[in-house]
Amino acid sequence: MIKTLAAVVLTSMLGACASIGGAPMAAKFEGGMLVDSAGMTLYTFDKDAAGSGKSACNGPCIALWPALKATDADRASGDWSVVTRDDGSKQWAYKGKPAYLWIKDQKPGDKTGDGVNKVWHIVAQ
């Protein structure tokens, strides 16, 4: 009985950690680049200072380059951190740089945002 109870408690604790902390379960490396859970390419912005905890992409910029959203419960782990955007929302950052999608990418594997204005880049492995 005690072993069973301990196993249930441990399993619950581990499940909670996986759901609220660590790297975003929605991002992974695929085909040499970082993609979200739908397989859409993730990008970084040269105007974002790594490790600043801020995003320089706001206003009209964020409409074109949607943030890889994080929740208030998400926590930094390994190469992943969470930044608070100007509007108070949360965004995942990889190696200190906020991660974004590109509105013109239409299907998984598209990487049409790479090199836009020479300041947007895919996150390569």
PDB file of N, CA and C in Angstrom:
ATOM      1  N   MET A   1       0.821  -1.187   0.000  1.00  0.00           N
ATOM      2  CA  MET A   1       0.000   0.000   0.000  1.00  0.00           C
ATOM      3  C   MET A   1       0.865   1.250   0.000  1.00  0.00           C
ATOM      4  N   ILE A   2       1.861   1.320   0.884  1.00  0.00           N
ATOM      5  CA  ILE A   2       2.733   2.485   0.962  1.00  0.00           C
ATOM      6  C   ILE A   2       3.546   2.624  -0.318  1.00  0.00           C
ATOM      7  N   LYS A   3       4.051   1.495  -0.862  1.00  0.00           N
ATOM      8  CA  LYS A   3       4.800   1.549  -2.115  1.00  0.00           C
ATOM      9  C   LYS A   3       3.916   2.066  -3.240  1.00  0.00           C
ATOM     10  N   THR A   4       2.675   1.601  -3.286  1.00  0.00           N
ATOM     11  CA  THR A   4       1.738   2.043  -4.324  1.00  0.00           C
ATOM     12  C   THR A   4       1.465   3.529  -4.184  1.00  0.00           C
ATOM     13  N   LEU A   5       1.218   3.996  -2.978  1.00  0.00           N
ATOM     14  CA  LEU A   5       0.967   5.404  -2.724  1.00  0.00           C
ATOM     15  C   LEU A   5       2.181   6.241  -3.118  1.00  0.00           C
ATOM     16  N   ALA A   6       3.384   5.782  -2.763  1.00  0.00           N
ATOM     17  CA  ALA A   6       4.611   6.504  -3.116  1.00  0.00           C
ATOM     18  C   ALA A   6       4.769   6.576  -4.632  1.00  0.00           C
ATOM     19  N   ALA A   7       4.458   5.483  -5.321  1.00  0.00           N
ATOM     20  CA  ALA A   7       4.563   5.464  -6.778  1.00  0.00           C
ATOM     21  C   ALA A   7       3.583   6.451  -7.404  1.00  0.00           C
ATOM     22  N   VAL A   8       2.363   6.516  -6.883  1.00  0.00           N
ATOM     23  CA  VAL A   8       1.357   7.449  -7.398  1.00  0.00           C
ATOM     24  C   VAL A   8       1.808   8.890  -7.179  1.00  0.00           C
ATOM     25  N   VAL A   9       2.310   9.189  -5.990  1.00  0.00           N
ATOM     26  CA  VAL A   9       2.771  10.541  -5.679  1.00  0.00           C
ATOM     27  C   VAL A   9       3.940  10.922  -6.582  1.00  0.00           C
ATOM     28  N   LEU A  10       4.918  10.023  -6.737  1.00  0.00           N
ATOM     29  CA  LEU A  10       6.077  10.291  -7.573  1.00  0.00           C
ATOM     30  C   LEU A  10       5.665  10.506  -9.028  1.00  0.00           C
ATOM     31  N   THR A  11       4.786   9.663  -9.532  1.00  0.00           N
ATOM     32  CA  THR A  11       4.307   9.799 -10.898  1.00  0.00           C
ATOM     33  C   THR A  11       3.593  11.132 -11.090  1.00  0.00           C
ATOM     34  N   SER A  12       2.774  11.523 -10.145  1.00  0.00           N
ATOM     35  CA  SER A  12       2.069  12.801 -10.228  1.00  0.00           C
ATOM     36  C   SER A  12       3.041  13.972 -10.240  1.00  0.00           C
ATOM     37  N   MET A  13       4.054  13.894  -9.372  1.00  0.00           N
ATOM     38  CA  MET A  13       5.048  14.973  -9.306  1.00  0.00           C
ATOM     39  C   MET A  13       5.823  15.078 -10.607  1.00  0.00           C
ATOM     40  N   LEU A  14       6.243  13.956 -11.162  1.00  0.00           N
ATOM     41  CA  LEU A  14       6.980  13.978 -12.417  1.00  0.00           C
ATOM     42  C   LEU A  14       6.110  14.492 -13.556  1.00  0.00           C
ATOM     43  N   GLY A  15       4.870  14.116 -13.581  1.00  0.00           N
ATOM     44  CA  GLY A  15       3.947  14.603 -14.610  1.00  0.00           C
ATOM     45  C   GLY A  15       3.758  16.098 -14.515  1.00  0.00           C
ATOM     46  N   ALA A  16       3.654  16.609 -13.313  1.00  0.00           N
ATOM     47  CA  ALA A  16       3.492  18.050 -13.121  1.00  0.00           C
ATOM     48  C   ALA A  16       4.727  18.786 -13.592  1.00  0.00           C
ATOM     49  N   CYS A  17       5.908  18.245 -13.307  1.00  0.00           N
ATOM     50  CA  CYS A  17       7.142  18.892 -13.745  1.00  0.00           C
ATOM     51  C   CYS A  17       7.217  18.933 -15.265  1.00  0.00           C
ATOM     52  N   ALA A  18       6.830  17.873 -15.910  1.00  0.00           N
ATOM     53  CA  ALA A  18       6.892  17.831 -17.368  1.00  0.00           C
ATOM     54  C   ALA A  18       5.918  18.806 -17.998  1.00  0.00           C
ATOM     55  N   SER A  19       4.818  19.073 -17.334  1.00  0.00           N
ATOM     56  CA  SER A  19       3.823  19.935 -17.950  1.00  0.00           C
ATOM     57  C   SER A  19       4.037  21.407 -17.659  1.00  0.00           C
ATOM     58  N   ILE A  20       4.766  21.742 -16.585  1.00  0.00           N
ATOM     59  CA  ILE A  20       4.929  23.157 -16.284  1.00  0.00           C
ATOM     60  C   ILE A  20       6.355  23.651 -16.381  1.00  0.00           C
ATOM     61  N   GLY A  21       7.314  22.784 -16.455  1.00  0.00           N
ATOM     62  CA  GLY A  21       8.687  23.258 -16.493  1.00  0.00           C
ATOM     63  C   GLY A  21       9.443  22.665 -17.647  1.00  0.00           C
ATOM     64  N   GLY A  22      10.655  23.142 -17.817  1.00  0.00           N
ATOM     65  CA  GLY A  22      11.508  22.597 -18.848  1.00  0.00           C
ATOM     66  C   GLY A  22      11.244  23.206 -20.206  1.00  0.00           C
ATOM     67  N   ALA A  23      11.881  22.638 -21.187  1.00  0.00           N
ATOM     68  CA  ALA A  23      11.767  23.132 -22.558  1.00  0.00           C
ATOM     69  C   ALA A  23      10.345  22.976 -23.063  1.00  0.00           C
ATOM     70  N   PRO A  24       9.975  23.811 -24.015  1.00  0.00           N
ATOM     71  CA  PRO A  24       8.621  23.693 -24.539  1.00  0.00           C
ATOM     72  C   PRO A  24       8.448  22.348 -25.236  1.00  0.00           C
ATOM     73  N   MET A  25       7.418  21.625 -24.848  1.00  0.00           N
ATOM     74  CA  MET A  25       7.167  20.339 -25.473  1.00  0.00           C
ATOM     75  C   MET A  25       6.796  20.545 -26.944  1.00  0.00           C
ATOM     76  N   ALA A  26       6.494  21.782 -27.310  1.00  0.00           N
ATOM     77  CA  ALA A  26       6.044  22.093 -28.654  1.00  0.00           C
ATOM     78  C   ALA A  26       7.198  22.389 -29.610  1.00  0.00           C
ATOM     79  N   ALA A  27       8.448  22.292 -29.178  1.00  0.00           N
ATOM     80  CA  ALA A  27       9.578  22.594 -30.044  1.00  0.00           C
ATOM     81  C   ALA A  27      10.566  21.435 -30.072  1.00  0.00           C
ATOM     82  N   LYS A  28      11.146  21.220 -31.258  1.00  0.00           N
ATOM     83  CA  LYS A  28      12.133  20.152 -31.414  1.00  0.00           C
ATOM     84  C   LYS A  28      12.974  20.435 -32.649  1.00  0.00           C
ATOM     85  N   PHE A  29      14.129  19.785 -32.728  1.00  0.00           N
ATOM     86  CA  PHE A  29      14.942  19.897 -33.925  1.00  0.00           C
ATOM     87  C   PHE A  29      14.483  18.840 -34.916  1.00  0.00           C
ATOM     88  N   GLU A  30      14.272  19.276 -36.140  1.00  0.00           N
ATOM     89  CA  GLU A  30      13.830  18.388 -37.212  1.00  0.00           C
ATOM     90  C   GLU A  30      14.459  18.898 -38.505  1.00  0.00           C
ATOM     91  N   GLY A  31      15.115  18.019 -39.238  1.00  0.00           N
ATOM     92  CA  GLY A  31      15.736  18.441 -40.489  1.00  0.00           C
ATOM     93  C   GLY A  31      16.814  19.492 -40.291  1.00  0.00           C
ATOM     94  N   GLY A  32      17.468  19.466 -39.125  1.00  0.00           N
ATOM     95  CA  GLY A  32      18.545  20.396 -38.844  1.00  0.00           C
ATOM     96  C   GLY A  32      18.116  21.771 -38.370  1.00  0.00           C
ATOM     97  N   MET A  33      16.795  21.961 -38.181  1.00  0.00           N
ATOM     98  CA  MET A  33      16.329  23.259 -37.701  1.00  0.00           C
ATOM     99  C   MET A  33      15.285  23.071 -36.611  1.00  0.00           C
ATOM    100  N   LEU A  34      15.101  24.099 -35.819  1.00  0.00           N
ATOM    101  CA  LEU A  34      14.135  24.066 -34.733  1.00  0.00           C
ATOM    102  C   LEU A  34      12.748  24.359 -35.293  1.00  0.00           C
ATOM    103  N   VAL A  35      11.778  23.514 -34.921  1.00  0.00           N
ATOM    104  CA  VAL A  35      10.391  23.675 -35.384  1.00  0.00           C
ATOM    105  C   VAL A  35       9.444  23.559 -34.196  1.00  0.00           C
ATOM    106  N   ASP A  36       8.223  24.093 -34.379  1.00  0.00           N
ATOM    107  CA  ASP A  36       7.213  23.954 -33.330  1.00  0.00           C
ATOM    108  C   ASP A  36       6.501  22.617 -33.481  1.00  0.00           C
ATOM    109  N   SER A  37       5.481  22.368 -32.677  1.00  0.00           N
ATOM    110  CA  SER A  37       4.794  21.066 -32.689  1.00  0.00           C
ATOM    111  C   SER A  37       4.103  20.778 -34.008  1.00  0.00           C
ATOM    112  N   ALA A  38       3.812  21.805 -34.793  1.00  0.00           N
ATOM    113  CA  ALA A  38       3.177  21.620 -36.098  1.00  0.00           C
ATOM    114  C   ALA A  38       4.215  21.472 -37.214  1.00  0.00           C
ATOM    115  N   GLY A  39       5.500  21.501 -36.839  1.00  0.00           N
ATOM    116  CA  GLY A  39       6.558  21.371 -37.834  1.00  0.00           C
ATOM    117  C   GLY A  39       6.934  22.688 -38.493  1.00  0.00           C
ATOM    118  N   MET A  40       6.431  23.801 -37.952  1.00  0.00           N
ATOM    119  CA  MET A  40       6.720  25.112 -38.537  1.00  0.00           C
ATOM    120  C   MET A  40       8.059  25.629 -38.010  1.00  0.00           C
ATOM    121  N   THR A  41       8.836  26.203 -38.909  1.00  0.00           N
ATOM    122  CA  THR A  41      10.178  26.690 -38.622  1.00  0.00           C
ATOM    123  C   THR A  41      10.168  27.812 -37.587  1.00  0.00           C
ATOM    124  N   LEU A  42      11.154  27.766 -36.686  1.00  0.00           N
ATOM    125  CA  LEU A  42      11.327  28.820 -35.691  1.00  0.00           C
ATOM    126  C   LEU A  42      12.538  29.674 -36.048  1.00  0.00           C
ATOM    127  N   TYR A  43      12.419  30.962 -35.744  1.00  0.00           N
ATOM    128  CA  TYR A  43      13.420  31.956 -36.114  1.00  0.00           C
ATOM    129  C   TYR A  43      13.871  32.780 -34.921  1.00  0.00           C
ATOM    130  N   THR A  44      15.038  33.411 -35.084  1.00  0.00           N
ATOM    131  CA  THR A  44      15.501  34.420 -34.130  1.00  0.00           C
ATOM    132  C   THR A  44      15.684  35.729 -34.882  1.00  0.00           C
ATOM    133  N   PHE A  45      15.728  36.817 -34.110  1.00  0.00           N
ATOM    134  CA  PHE A  45      15.781  38.183 -34.609  1.00  0.00           C
ATOM    135  C   PHE A  45      17.079  38.826 -34.123  1.00  0.00           C
ATOM    136  N   ASP A  46      17.894  39.337 -35.048  1.00  0.00           N
ATOM    137  CA  ASP A  46      19.185  39.919 -34.675  1.00  0.00           C
ATOM    138  C   ASP A  46      19.057  41.082 -33.689  1.00  0.00           C
ATOM    139  N   LYS A  47      17.931  41.766 -33.685  1.00  0.00           N
ATOM    140  CA  LYS A  47      17.773  42.919 -32.786  1.00  0.00           C
ATOM    141  C   LYS A  47      17.465  42.518 -31.347  1.00  0.00           C
ATOM    142  N   ASP A  48      17.215  41.223 -31.122  1.00  0.00           N
ATOM    143  CA  ASP A  48      17.037  40.715 -29.755  1.00  0.00           C
ATOM    144  C   ASP A  48      18.413  40.452 -29.162  1.00  0.00           C
ATOM    145  N   ALA A  49      18.682  41.022 -28.006  1.00  0.00           N
ATOM    146  CA  ALA A  49      19.948  40.782 -27.316  1.00  0.00           C
ATOM    147  C   ALA A  49      19.826  39.485 -26.521  1.00  0.00           C
ATOM    148  N   ALA A  50      20.696  38.524 -26.826  1.00  0.00           N
ATOM    149  CA  ALA A  50      20.668  37.229 -26.127  1.00  0.00           C
ATOM    150  C   ALA A  50      20.809  37.436 -24.629  1.00  0.00           C
ATOM    151  N   GLY A  51      19.918  36.807 -23.878  1.00  0.00           N
ATOM    152  CA  GLY A  51      19.979  36.852 -22.428  1.00  0.00           C
ATOM    153  C   GLY A  51      19.388  38.101 -21.799  1.00  0.00           C
ATOM    154  N   SER A  52      18.833  38.997 -22.612  1.00  0.00           N
ATOM    155  CA  SER A  52      18.279  40.246 -22.070  1.00  0.00           C
ATOM    156  C   SER A  52      16.927  40.043 -21.395  1.00  0.00           C
ATOM    157  N   GLY A  53      16.262  38.928 -21.732  1.00  0.00           N
ATOM    158  CA  GLY A  53      14.932  38.678 -21.174  1.00  0.00           C
ATOM    159  C   GLY A  53      13.857  39.504 -21.841  1.00  0.00           C
ATOM    160  N   LYS A  54      14.182  40.116 -22.973  1.00  0.00           N
ATOM    161  CA  LYS A  54      13.250  40.984 -23.693  1.00  0.00           C
ATOM    162  C   LYS A  54      13.166  40.586 -25.162  1.00  0.00           C
ATOM    163  N   SER A  55      12.072  41.010 -25.791  1.00  0.00           N
ATOM    164  CA  SER A  55      11.903  40.864 -27.233  1.00  0.00           C
ATOM    165  C   SER A  55      11.877  42.257 -27.844  1.00  0.00           C
ATOM    166  N   ALA A  56      12.611  42.441 -28.928  1.00  0.00           N
ATOM    167  CA  ALA A  56      12.613  43.711 -29.653  1.00  0.00           C
ATOM    168  C   ALA A  56      11.546  43.729 -30.739  1.00  0.00           C
ATOM    169  N   CYS A  57      10.823  42.634 -30.909  1.00  0.00           N
ATOM    170  CA  CYS A  57       9.779  42.530 -31.928  1.00  0.00           C
ATOM    171  C   CYS A  57       8.424  42.754 -31.270  1.00  0.00           C
ATOM    172  N   ASN A  58       7.883  43.950 -31.436  1.00  0.00           N
ATOM    173  CA  ASN A  58       6.600  44.333 -30.852  1.00  0.00           C
ATOM    174  C   ASN A  58       5.774  45.072 -31.905  1.00  0.00           C
ATOM    175  N   GLY A  59       4.548  45.409 -31.577  1.00  0.00           N
ATOM    176  CA  GLY A  59       3.691  46.158 -32.498  1.00  0.00           C
ATOM    177  C   GLY A  59       3.490  45.423 -33.810  1.00  0.00           C
ATOM    178  N   PRO A  60       3.677  46.110 -34.942  1.00  0.00           N
ATOM    179  CA  PRO A  60       3.469  45.473 -36.253  1.00  0.00           C
ATOM    180  C   PRO A  60       4.399  44.283 -36.482  1.00  0.00           C
ATOM    181  N   CYS A  61       5.567  44.301 -35.874  1.00  0.00           N
ATOM    182  CA  CYS A  61       6.531  43.203 -36.032  1.00  0.00           C
ATOM    183  C   CYS A  61       5.944  41.882 -35.550  1.00  0.00           C
ATOM    184  N   ILE A  62       5.327  41.876 -34.385  1.00  0.00           N
ATOM    185  CA  ILE A  62       4.833  40.619 -33.812  1.00  0.00           C
ATOM    186  C   ILE A  62       3.655  40.053 -34.603  1.00  0.00           C
ATOM    187  N   ALA A  63       2.974  40.901 -35.369  1.00  0.00           N
ATOM    188  CA  ALA A  63       1.896  40.415 -36.235  1.00  0.00           C
ATOM    189  C   ALA A  63       2.471  39.566 -37.369  1.00  0.00           C
ATOM    190  N   LEU A  64       3.674  39.901 -37.815  1.00  0.00           N
ATOM    191  CA  LEU A  64       4.328  39.157 -38.893  1.00  0.00           C
ATOM    192  C   LEU A  64       5.174  38.001 -38.369  1.00  0.00           C
ATOM    193  N   TRP A  65       5.687  38.180 -37.169  1.00  0.00           N
ATOM    194  CA  TRP A  65       6.580  37.203 -36.549  1.00  0.00           C
ATOM    195  C   TRP A  65       6.003  36.778 -35.199  1.00  0.00           C
ATOM    196  N   PRO A  66       4.990  35.910 -35.192  1.00  0.00           N
ATOM    197  CA  PRO A  66       4.360  35.490 -33.927  1.00  0.00           C
ATOM    198  C   PRO A  66       5.355  34.810 -32.982  1.00  0.00           C
ATOM    199  N   ALA A  67       5.220  35.122 -31.717  1.00  0.00           N
ATOM    200  CA  ALA A  67       6.075  34.548 -30.687  1.00  0.00           C
ATOM    201  C   ALA A  67       5.761  33.074 -30.460  1.00  0.00           C
ATOM    202  N   LEU A  68       6.793  32.298 -30.117  1.00  0.00           N
ATOM    203  CA  LEU A  68       6.573  30.932 -29.633  1.00  0.00           C
ATOM    204  C   LEU A  68       6.118  31.104 -28.196  1.00  0.00           C
ATOM    205  N   LYS A  69       4.825  31.004 -27.990  1.00  0.00           N
ATOM    206  CA  LYS A  69       4.213  31.349 -26.706  1.00  0.00           C
ATOM    207  C   LYS A  69       4.560  30.369 -25.597  1.00  0.00           C
ATOM    208  N   ALA A  70       4.767  30.957 -24.426  1.00  0.00           N
ATOM    209  CA  ALA A  70       4.966  30.201 -23.190  1.00  0.00           C
ATOM    210  C   ALA A  70       3.831  30.597 -22.248  1.00  0.00           C
ATOM    211  N   THR A  71       3.660  29.834 -21.199  1.00  0.00           N
ATOM    212  CA  THR A  71       2.632  30.146 -20.205  1.00  0.00           C
ATOM    213  C   THR A  71       3.294  30.698 -18.947  1.00  0.00           C
ATOM    214  N   ASP A  72       2.488  31.235 -18.060  1.00  0.00           N
ATOM    215  CA  ASP A  72       3.008  31.739 -16.792  1.00  0.00           C
ATOM    216  C   ASP A  72       3.645  30.624 -15.962  1.00  0.00           C
ATOM    217  N   ALA A  73       3.213  29.394 -16.174  1.00  0.00           N
ATOM    218  CA  ALA A  73       3.733  28.259 -15.404  1.00  0.00           C
ATOM    219  C   ALA A  73       5.041  27.710 -15.973  1.00  0.00           C
ATOM    220  N   ASP A  74       5.382  28.049 -17.215  1.00  0.00           N
ATOM    221  CA  ASP A  74       6.597  27.518 -17.834  1.00  0.00           C
ATOM    222  C   ASP A  74       7.844  28.091 -17.170  1.00  0.00           C
ATOM    223  N   ARG A  75       8.883  27.267 -17.078  1.00  0.00           N
ATOM    224  CA  ARG A  75      10.134  27.652 -16.430  1.00  0.00           C
ATOM    225  C   ARG A  75      11.325  27.303 -17.308  1.00  0.00           C
ATOM    226  N   ALA A  76      12.389  28.048 -17.138  1.00  0.00           N
ATOM    227  CA  ALA A  76      13.626  27.823 -17.881  1.00  0.00           C
ATOM    228  C   ALA A  76      14.203  26.448 -17.580  1.00  0.00           C
ATOM    229  N   SER A  77      14.851  25.866 -18.587  1.00  0.00           N
ATOM    230  CA  SER A  77      15.516  24.581 -18.423  1.00  0.00           C
ATOM    231  C   SER A  77      16.502  24.391 -19.569  1.00  0.00           C
ATOM    232  N   GLY A  78      17.743  24.103 -19.235  1.00  0.00           N
ATOM    233  CA  GLY A  78      18.754  23.878 -20.268  1.00  0.00           C
ATOM    234  C   GLY A  78      18.931  25.104 -21.151  1.00  0.00           C
ATOM    235  N   ASP A  79      18.828  24.912 -22.452  1.00  0.00           N
ATOM    236  CA  ASP A  79      18.986  26.008 -23.411  1.00  0.00           C
ATOM    237  C   ASP A  79      17.747  26.889 -23.522  1.00  0.00           C
ATOM    238  N   TRP A  80      16.679  26.521 -22.822  1.00  0.00           N
ATOM    239  CA  TRP A  80      15.410  27.237 -22.935  1.00  0.00           C
ATOM    240  C   TRP A  80      15.169  28.164 -21.746  1.00  0.00           C
ATOM    241  N   SER A  81      14.667  29.350 -22.054  1.00  0.00           N
ATOM    242  CA  SER A  81      14.263  30.303 -21.019  1.00  0.00           C
ATOM    243  C   SER A  81      12.949  30.938 -21.459  1.00  0.00           C
ATOM    244  N   VAL A  82      12.347  31.670 -20.550  1.00  0.00           N
ATOM    245  CA  VAL A  82      11.083  32.350 -20.841  1.00  0.00           C
ATOM    246  C   VAL A  82      11.304  33.844 -20.672  1.00  0.00           C
ATOM    247  N   VAL A  83      10.883  34.617 -21.667  1.00  0.00           N
ATOM    248  CA  VAL A  83      10.967  36.075 -21.579  1.00  0.00           C
ATOM    249  C   VAL A  83       9.563  36.645 -21.444  1.00  0.00           C
ATOM    250  N   THR A  84       9.479  37.797 -20.806  1.00  0.00           N
ATOM    251  CA  THR A  84       8.203  38.492 -20.691  1.00  0.00           C
ATOM    252  C   THR A  84       8.185  39.602 -21.732  1.00  0.00           C
ATOM    253  N   ARG A  85       7.186  39.560 -22.588  1.00  0.00           N
ATOM    254  CA  ARG A  85       7.050  40.541 -23.664  1.00  0.00           C
ATOM    255  C   ARG A  85       6.509  41.860 -23.117  1.00  0.00           C
ATOM    256  N   ASP A  86       6.601  42.919 -23.903  1.00  0.00           N
ATOM    257  CA  ASP A  86       6.117  44.241 -23.486  1.00  0.00           C
ATOM    258  C   ASP A  86       4.653  44.229 -23.073  1.00  0.00           C
ATOM    259  N   ASP A  87       3.857  43.354 -23.714  1.00  0.00           N
ATOM    260  CA  ASP A  87       2.426  43.286 -23.375  1.00  0.00           C
ATOM    261  C   ASP A  87       2.140  42.378 -22.179  1.00  0.00           C
ATOM    262  N   GLY A  88       3.192  41.832 -21.571  1.00  0.00           N
ATOM    263  CA  GLY A  88       3.039  40.966 -20.400  1.00  0.00           C
ATOM    264  C   GLY A  88       2.932  39.490 -20.723  1.00  0.00           C
ATOM    265  N   SER A  89       2.758  39.137 -22.005  1.00  0.00           N
ATOM    266  CA  SER A  89       2.679  37.724 -22.372  1.00  0.00           C
ATOM    267  C   SER A  89       4.079  37.094 -22.289  1.00  0.00           C
ATOM    268  N   LYS A  90       4.115  35.776 -22.293  1.00  0.00           N
ATOM    269  CA  LYS A  90       5.368  35.030 -22.161  1.00  0.00           C
ATOM    270  C   LYS A  90       5.756  34.414 -23.494  1.00  0.00           C
ATOM    271  N   GLN A  91       7.059  34.312 -23.710  1.00  0.00           N
ATOM    272  CA  GLN A  91       7.600  33.763 -24.951  1.00  0.00           C
ATOM    273  C   GLN A  91       8.804  32.906 -24.631  1.00  0.00           C
ATOM    274  N   TRP A  92       8.936  31.776 -25.337  1.00  0.00           N
ATOM    275  CA  TRP A  92      10.106  30.925 -25.178  1.00  0.00           C
ATOM    276  C   TRP A  92      11.298  31.556 -25.875  1.00  0.00           C
ATOM    277  N   ALA A  93      12.472  31.376 -25.294  1.00  0.00           N
ATOM    278  CA  ALA A  93      13.732  31.808 -25.890  1.00  0.00           C
ATOM    279  C   ALA A  93      14.675  30.612 -25.913  1.00  0.00           C
ATOM    280  N   TYR A  94      15.406  30.474 -26.993  1.00  0.00           N
ATOM    281  CA  TYR A  94      16.374  29.392 -27.135  1.00  0.00           C
ATOM    282  C   TYR A  94      17.773  30.006 -27.085  1.00  0.00           C
ATOM    283  N   LYS A  95      18.586  29.557 -26.155  1.00  0.00           N
ATOM    284  CA  LYS A  95      19.922  30.100 -25.923  1.00  0.00           C
ATOM    285  C   LYS A  95      19.862  31.620 -25.757  1.00  0.00           C
ATOM    286  N   GLY A  96      18.834  32.064 -25.031  1.00  0.00           N
ATOM    287  CA  GLY A  96      18.699  33.476 -24.702  1.00  0.00           C
ATOM    288  C   GLY A  96      18.028  34.341 -25.744  1.00  0.00           C
ATOM    289  N   LYS A  97      17.745  33.789 -26.920  1.00  0.00           N
ATOM    290  CA  LYS A  97      17.125  34.564 -27.998  1.00  0.00           C
ATOM    291  C   LYS A  97      15.659  34.144 -28.161  1.00  0.00           C
ATOM    292  N   PRO A  98      14.723  35.091 -28.063  1.00  0.00           N
ATOM    293  CA  PRO A  98      13.309  34.750 -28.265  1.00  0.00           C
ATOM    294  C   PRO A  98      13.085  34.024 -29.591  1.00  0.00           C
ATOM    295  N   ALA A  99      12.164  33.074 -29.594  1.00  0.00           N
ATOM    296  CA  ALA A  99      11.857  32.273 -30.787  1.00  0.00           C
ATOM    297  C   ALA A  99      10.535  32.728 -31.392  1.00  0.00           C
ATOM    298  N   TYR A 100      10.518  32.798 -32.727  1.00  0.00           N
ATOM    299  CA  TYR A 100       9.365  33.295 -33.475  1.00  0.00           C
ATOM    300  C   TYR A 100       9.018  32.375 -34.642  1.00  0.00           C
ATOM    301  N   LEU A 101       7.775  32.477 -35.078  1.00  0.00           N
ATOM    302  CA  LEU A 101       7.307  31.874 -36.321  1.00  0.00           C
ATOM    303  C   LEU A 101       7.275  32.989 -37.367  1.00  0.00           C
ATOM    304  N   TRP A 102       7.086  32.653 -38.635  1.00  0.00           N
ATOM    305  CA  TRP A 102       6.975  33.635 -39.716  1.00  0.00           C
ATOM    306  C   TRP A 102       5.635  33.426 -40.395  1.00  0.00           C
ATOM    307  N   ILE A 103       4.830  34.463 -40.452  1.00  0.00           N
ATOM    308  CA  ILE A 103       3.465  34.354 -40.948  1.00  0.00           C
ATOM    309  C   ILE A 103       3.394  33.870 -42.401  1.00  0.00           C
ATOM    310  N   LYS A 104       4.443  34.084 -43.182  1.00  0.00           N
ATOM    311  CA  LYS A 104       4.424  33.677 -44.594  1.00  0.00           C
ATOM    312  C   LYS A 104       4.792  32.210 -44.812  1.00  0.00           C
ATOM    313  N   ASP A 105       5.300  31.533 -43.779  1.00  0.00           N
ATOM    314  CA  ASP A 105       5.517  30.087 -43.897  1.00  0.00           C
ATOM    315  C   ASP A 105       4.141  29.436 -43.880  1.00  0.00           C
ATOM    316  N   GLN A 106       3.828  28.661 -44.895  1.00  0.00           N
ATOM    317  CA  GLN A 106       2.495  28.089 -45.045  1.00  0.00           C
ATOM    318  C   GLN A 106       2.377  26.626 -44.634  1.00  0.00           C
ATOM    319  N   LYS A 107       3.493  25.892 -44.721  1.00  0.00           N
ATOM    320  CA  LYS A 107       3.435  24.462 -44.407  1.00  0.00           C
ATOM    321  C   LYS A 107       4.708  24.046 -43.680  1.00  0.00           C
ATOM    322  N   PRO A 108       4.632  22.926 -42.960  1.00  0.00           N
ATOM    323  CA  PRO A 108       5.820  22.438 -42.255  1.00  0.00           C
ATOM    324  C   PRO A 108       7.014  22.335 -43.210  1.00  0.00           C
ATOM    325  N   GLY A 109       8.157  22.760 -42.723  1.00  0.00           N
ATOM    326  CA  GLY A 109       9.374  22.711 -43.528  1.00  0.00           C
ATOM    327  C   GLY A 109       9.659  23.995 -44.285  1.00  0.00           C
ATOM    328  N   ASP A 110       8.641  24.853 -44.464  1.00  0.00           N
ATOM    329  CA  ASP A 110       8.894  26.144 -45.116  1.00  0.00           C
ATOM    330  C   ASP A 110       9.869  26.930 -44.263  1.00  0.00           C
ATOM    331  N   LYS A 111      10.743  27.650 -44.896  1.00  0.00           N
ATOM    332  CA  LYS A 111      11.686  28.512 -44.173  1.00  0.00           C
ATOM    333  C   LYS A 111      11.900  29.803 -44.952  1.00  0.00           C
ATOM    334  N   THR A 112      10.789  30.375 -45.400  1.00  0.00           N
ATOM    335  CA  THR A 112      10.841  31.583 -46.222  1.00  0.00           C
ATOM    336  C   THR A 112      11.252  32.821 -45.434  1.00  0.00           C
ATOM    337  N   GLY A 113      11.267  32.730 -44.120  1.00  0.00           N
ATOM    338  CA  GLY A 113      11.668  33.871 -43.295  1.00  0.00           C
ATOM    339  C   GLY A 113      13.167  33.976 -43.104  1.00  0.00           C
ATOM    340  N   ASP A 114      13.902  32.926 -43.491  1.00  0.00           N
ATOM    341  CA  ASP A 114      15.343  32.942 -43.274  1.00  0.00           C
ATOM    342  C   ASP A 114      15.996  34.036 -44.114  1.00  0.00           C
ATOM    343  N   GLY A 115      16.648  34.980 -43.442  1.00  0.00           N
ATOM    344  CA  GLY A 115      17.347  36.056 -44.134  1.00  0.00           C
ATOM    345  C   GLY A 115      16.512  37.295 -44.414  1.00  0.00           C
ATOM    346  N   VAL A 116      15.239  37.304 -44.011  1.00  0.00           N
ATOM    347  CA  VAL A 116      14.406  38.484 -44.249  1.00  0.00           C
ATOM    348  C   VAL A 116      15.086  39.705 -43.634  1.00  0.00           C
ATOM    349  N   ASN A 117      15.230  40.740 -44.435  1.00  0.00           N
ATOM    350  CA  ASN A 117      15.886  41.993 -44.029  1.00  0.00           C
ATOM    351  C   ASN A 117      17.258  41.768 -43.391  1.00  0.00           C
ATOM    352  N   LYS A 118      17.836  40.626 -43.658  1.00  0.00           N
ATOM    353  CA  LYS A 118      19.154  40.244 -43.134  1.00  0.00           C
ATOM    354  C   LYS A 118      19.210  40.226 -41.599  1.00  0.00           C
ATOM    355  N   VAL A 119      18.040  40.131 -40.940  1.00  0.00           N
ATOM    356  CA  VAL A 119      18.015  40.120 -39.472  1.00  0.00           C
ATOM    357  C   VAL A 119      17.226  38.952 -38.883  1.00  0.00           C
ATOM    358  N   TRP A 120      16.583  38.146 -39.735  1.00  0.00           N
ATOM    359  CA  TRP A 120      15.810  36.987 -39.265  1.00  0.00           C
ATOM    360  C   TRP A 120      16.502  35.723 -39.737  1.00  0.00           C
ATOM    361  N   HIS A 121      16.624  34.745 -38.822  1.00  0.00           N
ATOM    362  CA  HIS A 121      17.380  33.528 -39.142  1.00  0.00           C
ATOM    363  C   HIS A 121      16.702  32.298 -38.538  1.00  0.00           C
ATOM    364  N   ILE A 122      16.752  31.191 -39.299  1.00  0.00           N
ATOM    365  CA  ILE A 122      16.258  29.940 -38.728  1.00  0.00           C
ATOM    366  C   ILE A 122      17.181  29.550 -37.576  1.00  0.00           C
ATOM    367  N   VAL A 123      16.633  28.807 -36.639  1.00  0.00           N
ATOM    368  CA  VAL A 123      17.436  28.281 -35.541  1.00  0.00           C
ATOM    369  C   VAL A 123      17.952  26.924 -36.010  1.00  0.00           C
ATOM    370  N   ALA A 124      19.221  26.898 -36.378  1.00  0.00           N
ATOM    371  CA  ALA A 124      19.821  25.658 -36.895  1.00  0.00           C
ATOM    372  C   ALA A 124      20.466  24.877 -35.770  1.00  0.00           C
ATOM    373  N   GLN A 125      20.545  23.580 -35.990  1.00  0.00           N
ATOM    374  CA  GLN A 125      21.118  22.681 -34.989  1.00  0.00           C
ATOM    375  C   GLN A 125      22.621  22.733 -35.060  1.00  0.00           C
TER     376      GLN A 125
END
